[in-house]
């Protein structure tokens, strides 16, 4: 966090790419490691932006409720 938001956001993007590569080409152990890195850097970026993780949880909850009620809702973005 000492290096600031631009550095942390860049690191988040790098970890996202590494997670995709691991999902497509690596074993489960490597995917889990990359997913943990991705989540860590996401939490850092949220913290730097002062966005509480609880807001993300609420958004995920809303999306899960919509998908249960209407499975096509997530694809439509409603």
N, C-alpha and C. Protein backbone atom coordinates (compact mmCIF):
# COMPACT_ATOMS: atom_id res chain seq x y z
N UNK A 1 0.82 -1.20 0.00
CA UNK A 1 0.00 0.00 0.00
C UNK A 1 0.86 1.26 0.00
N UNK A 2 2.10 1.12 0.39
CA UNK A 2 2.99 2.27 0.46
C UNK A 2 3.23 2.89 -0.90
N UNK A 3 3.14 2.10 -1.97
CA UNK A 3 3.43 2.60 -3.31
C UNK A 3 2.24 3.29 -3.96
N UNK A 4 1.08 3.23 -3.33
CA UNK A 4 -0.07 3.98 -3.80
C UNK A 4 -0.97 3.23 -4.77
N UNK A 5 -2.05 3.92 -5.12
CA UNK A 5 -3.10 3.33 -5.95
C UNK A 5 -2.63 2.94 -7.35
N UNK A 6 -1.91 3.79 -8.08
CA UNK A 6 -1.52 3.37 -9.43
C UNK A 6 -0.71 2.07 -9.45
N UNK A 7 0.23 1.95 -8.54
CA UNK A 7 1.03 0.73 -8.48
C UNK A 7 0.16 -0.47 -8.10
N UNK A 8 -0.70 -0.28 -7.11
CA UNK A 8 -1.56 -1.37 -6.64
C UNK A 8 -2.56 -1.80 -7.70
N UNK A 9 -3.11 -0.85 -8.43
CA UNK A 9 -4.05 -1.18 -9.51
C UNK A 9 -3.35 -1.95 -10.63
N UNK A 10 -2.14 -1.54 -10.94
CA UNK A 10 -1.37 -2.26 -11.96
C UNK A 10 -1.09 -3.68 -11.51
N UNK A 11 -0.73 -3.84 -10.26
CA UNK A 11 -0.46 -5.17 -9.70
C UNK A 11 -1.73 -6.03 -9.75
N UNK A 12 -2.87 -5.43 -9.45
CA UNK A 12 -4.15 -6.13 -9.53
C UNK A 12 -4.37 -6.66 -10.94
N UNK A 13 -4.12 -5.82 -11.93
CA UNK A 13 -4.28 -6.24 -13.33
C UNK A 13 -3.35 -7.38 -13.70
N UNK A 14 -2.10 -7.29 -13.25
CA UNK A 14 -1.13 -8.35 -13.52
C UNK A 14 -1.59 -9.67 -12.90
N UNK A 15 -2.08 -9.59 -11.68
CA UNK A 15 -2.54 -10.81 -11.00
C UNK A 15 -3.79 -11.38 -11.68
N UNK A 16 -4.63 -10.51 -12.22
CA UNK A 16 -5.81 -10.99 -12.95
C UNK A 16 -5.39 -11.80 -14.17
N UNK A 17 -4.42 -11.29 -14.90
CA UNK A 17 -3.93 -12.01 -16.08
C UNK A 17 -3.31 -13.34 -15.67
N UNK A 18 -2.51 -13.32 -14.61
CA UNK A 18 -1.88 -14.56 -14.14
C UNK A 18 -2.93 -15.58 -13.69
N UNK A 19 -4.02 -15.10 -13.14
CA UNK A 19 -5.09 -16.01 -12.72
C UNK A 19 -5.76 -16.64 -13.93
N UNK A 20 -5.98 -15.85 -14.96
CA UNK A 20 -6.57 -16.39 -16.20
C UNK A 20 -5.65 -17.45 -16.80
N UNK A 21 -4.37 -17.15 -16.88
CA UNK A 21 -3.42 -18.12 -17.43
C UNK A 21 -3.42 -19.40 -16.60
N UNK A 22 -3.42 -19.26 -15.28
CA UNK A 22 -3.44 -20.44 -14.42
C UNK A 22 -4.72 -21.24 -14.62
N UNK A 23 -5.84 -20.55 -14.80
CA UNK A 23 -7.11 -21.25 -15.02
C UNK A 23 -7.09 -22.07 -16.30
N UNK A 24 -6.39 -21.58 -17.29
CA UNK A 24 -6.38 -22.24 -18.60
C UNK A 24 -5.28 -23.29 -18.75
N UNK A 25 -4.15 -23.09 -18.03
CA UNK A 25 -2.98 -23.92 -18.33
C UNK A 25 -2.32 -24.61 -17.14
N UNK A 26 -2.70 -24.25 -15.93
CA UNK A 26 -1.98 -24.76 -14.76
C UNK A 26 -2.85 -25.73 -13.96
N UNK A 27 -2.23 -26.34 -12.96
CA UNK A 27 -2.96 -27.25 -12.08
C UNK A 27 -3.76 -26.46 -11.04
N UNK A 28 -4.59 -27.16 -10.30
CA UNK A 28 -5.46 -26.50 -9.32
C UNK A 28 -4.67 -25.76 -8.25
N UNK A 29 -3.56 -26.33 -7.83
CA UNK A 29 -2.73 -25.68 -6.81
C UNK A 29 -2.24 -24.31 -7.26
N UNK A 30 -1.81 -24.22 -8.50
CA UNK A 30 -1.33 -22.95 -9.04
C UNK A 30 -2.49 -21.97 -9.20
N UNK A 31 -3.63 -22.47 -9.63
CA UNK A 31 -4.80 -21.60 -9.76
C UNK A 31 -5.20 -21.03 -8.41
N UNK A 32 -5.19 -21.85 -7.38
CA UNK A 32 -5.53 -21.37 -6.04
C UNK A 32 -4.55 -20.30 -5.59
N UNK A 33 -3.28 -20.50 -5.83
CA UNK A 33 -2.26 -19.52 -5.44
C UNK A 33 -2.48 -18.20 -6.17
N UNK A 34 -2.74 -18.26 -7.45
CA UNK A 34 -2.96 -17.04 -8.23
C UNK A 34 -4.27 -16.35 -7.81
N UNK A 35 -5.29 -17.13 -7.52
CA UNK A 35 -6.57 -16.55 -7.07
C UNK A 35 -6.37 -15.83 -5.74
N UNK A 36 -5.57 -16.40 -4.86
CA UNK A 36 -5.29 -15.75 -3.58
C UNK A 36 -4.54 -14.44 -3.79
N UNK A 37 -3.58 -14.43 -4.70
CA UNK A 37 -2.86 -13.19 -5.02
C UNK A 37 -3.82 -12.14 -5.56
N UNK A 38 -4.70 -12.57 -6.46
CA UNK A 38 -5.68 -11.65 -7.06
C UNK A 38 -6.59 -11.04 -6.00
N UNK A 39 -7.12 -11.88 -5.13
CA UNK A 39 -8.00 -11.38 -4.08
C UNK A 39 -7.27 -10.44 -3.13
N UNK A 40 -6.03 -10.78 -2.80
CA UNK A 40 -5.23 -9.92 -1.92
C UNK A 40 -5.08 -8.52 -2.53
N UNK A 41 -4.69 -8.48 -3.79
CA UNK A 41 -4.47 -7.18 -4.43
C UNK A 41 -5.77 -6.42 -4.64
N UNK A 42 -6.87 -7.12 -4.83
CA UNK A 42 -8.17 -6.47 -4.91
C UNK A 42 -8.51 -5.80 -3.58
N UNK A 43 -8.27 -6.51 -2.48
CA UNK A 43 -8.54 -5.94 -1.16
C UNK A 43 -7.67 -4.71 -0.92
N UNK A 44 -6.43 -4.76 -1.36
CA UNK A 44 -5.53 -3.60 -1.20
C UNK A 44 -6.10 -2.40 -1.97
N UNK A 45 -6.52 -2.61 -3.21
CA UNK A 45 -7.07 -1.51 -4.02
C UNK A 45 -8.35 -0.96 -3.38
N UNK A 46 -9.21 -1.84 -2.91
CA UNK A 46 -10.42 -1.37 -2.25
C UNK A 46 -10.08 -0.53 -1.01
N UNK A 47 -9.11 -0.99 -0.26
CA UNK A 47 -8.69 -0.25 0.94
C UNK A 47 -8.14 1.12 0.57
N UNK A 48 -7.30 1.18 -0.45
CA UNK A 48 -6.75 2.47 -0.88
C UNK A 48 -7.83 3.42 -1.36
N UNK A 49 -8.88 2.88 -1.97
CA UNK A 49 -10.00 3.69 -2.44
C UNK A 49 -11.03 3.95 -1.34
N UNK A 50 -10.79 3.36 -0.17
CA UNK A 50 -11.70 3.49 0.97
C UNK A 50 -13.10 2.95 0.66
N UNK A 51 -13.11 1.85 -0.07
CA UNK A 51 -14.35 1.14 -0.38
C UNK A 51 -14.39 -0.09 0.52
N UNK A 52 -15.32 -0.14 1.45
CA UNK A 52 -15.37 -1.29 2.35
C UNK A 52 -15.73 -2.58 1.61
N UNK A 53 -15.13 -3.65 2.03
CA UNK A 53 -15.42 -4.95 1.44
C UNK A 53 -16.90 -5.30 1.61
N UNK A 54 -17.52 -4.76 2.63
CA UNK A 54 -18.95 -5.01 2.84
C UNK A 54 -19.79 -4.51 1.66
N UNK A 55 -19.35 -3.47 0.98
CA UNK A 55 -20.08 -2.99 -0.20
C UNK A 55 -20.02 -4.02 -1.32
N UNK A 56 -18.87 -4.64 -1.47
CA UNK A 56 -18.71 -5.69 -2.48
C UNK A 56 -19.59 -6.88 -2.11
N UNK A 57 -19.59 -7.23 -0.83
CA UNK A 57 -20.45 -8.34 -0.38
C UNK A 57 -21.92 -8.05 -0.68
N UNK A 58 -22.35 -6.83 -0.42
CA UNK A 58 -23.75 -6.48 -0.70
C UNK A 58 -24.06 -6.61 -2.19
N UNK A 59 -23.14 -6.17 -3.03
CA UNK A 59 -23.34 -6.27 -4.48
C UNK A 59 -23.42 -7.73 -4.92
N UNK A 60 -22.56 -8.54 -4.38
CA UNK A 60 -22.60 -9.97 -4.71
C UNK A 60 -23.92 -10.60 -4.25
N UNK A 61 -24.36 -10.20 -3.08
CA UNK A 61 -25.63 -10.71 -2.57
C UNK A 61 -26.78 -10.32 -3.51
N UNK A 62 -26.80 -9.05 -3.91
CA UNK A 62 -27.86 -8.59 -4.82
C UNK A 62 -27.83 -9.39 -6.12
N UNK A 63 -26.64 -9.62 -6.64
CA UNK A 63 -26.54 -10.37 -7.90
C UNK A 63 -26.99 -11.81 -7.72
N UNK A 64 -26.64 -12.41 -6.59
CA UNK A 64 -27.04 -13.80 -6.37
C UNK A 64 -28.55 -13.89 -6.21
N UNK A 65 -29.16 -12.90 -5.57
CA UNK A 65 -30.62 -12.90 -5.43
C UNK A 65 -31.29 -12.77 -6.80
N UNK A 66 -30.76 -11.91 -7.65
CA UNK A 66 -31.34 -11.75 -8.99
C UNK A 66 -31.20 -13.03 -9.79
N UNK A 67 -30.05 -13.68 -9.68
CA UNK A 67 -29.83 -14.87 -10.49
C UNK A 67 -30.70 -16.03 -10.02
N UNK A 68 -31.02 -16.06 -8.73
CA UNK A 68 -31.91 -17.10 -8.22
C UNK A 68 -33.33 -16.86 -8.70
N UNK A 69 -33.73 -15.61 -8.69
CA UNK A 69 -35.10 -15.27 -9.10
C UNK A 69 -35.26 -15.31 -10.61
N UNK A 70 -34.21 -14.92 -11.34
CA UNK A 70 -34.25 -14.89 -12.80
C UNK A 70 -32.84 -15.20 -13.30
N UNK A 71 -32.55 -16.45 -13.64
CA UNK A 71 -31.21 -16.84 -14.05
C UNK A 71 -30.65 -16.05 -15.23
N UNK A 72 -31.51 -15.50 -16.08
CA UNK A 72 -31.05 -14.73 -17.22
C UNK A 72 -30.77 -13.27 -16.88
N UNK A 73 -31.11 -12.85 -15.66
CA UNK A 73 -30.98 -11.44 -15.27
C UNK A 73 -29.53 -10.98 -15.30
N UNK A 74 -28.62 -11.81 -14.88
CA UNK A 74 -27.21 -11.40 -14.86
C UNK A 74 -26.69 -11.15 -16.26
N UNK A 75 -27.11 -11.95 -17.22
CA UNK A 75 -26.67 -11.75 -18.60
C UNK A 75 -27.25 -10.47 -19.17
N UNK A 76 -28.48 -10.14 -18.78
CA UNK A 76 -29.13 -8.92 -19.27
C UNK A 76 -28.64 -7.70 -18.54
N UNK A 77 -28.05 -7.91 -17.35
CA UNK A 77 -27.59 -6.77 -16.56
C UNK A 77 -28.71 -6.08 -15.81
N UNK A 78 -29.79 -6.80 -15.53
CA UNK A 78 -30.91 -6.21 -14.80
C UNK A 78 -31.02 -6.81 -13.43
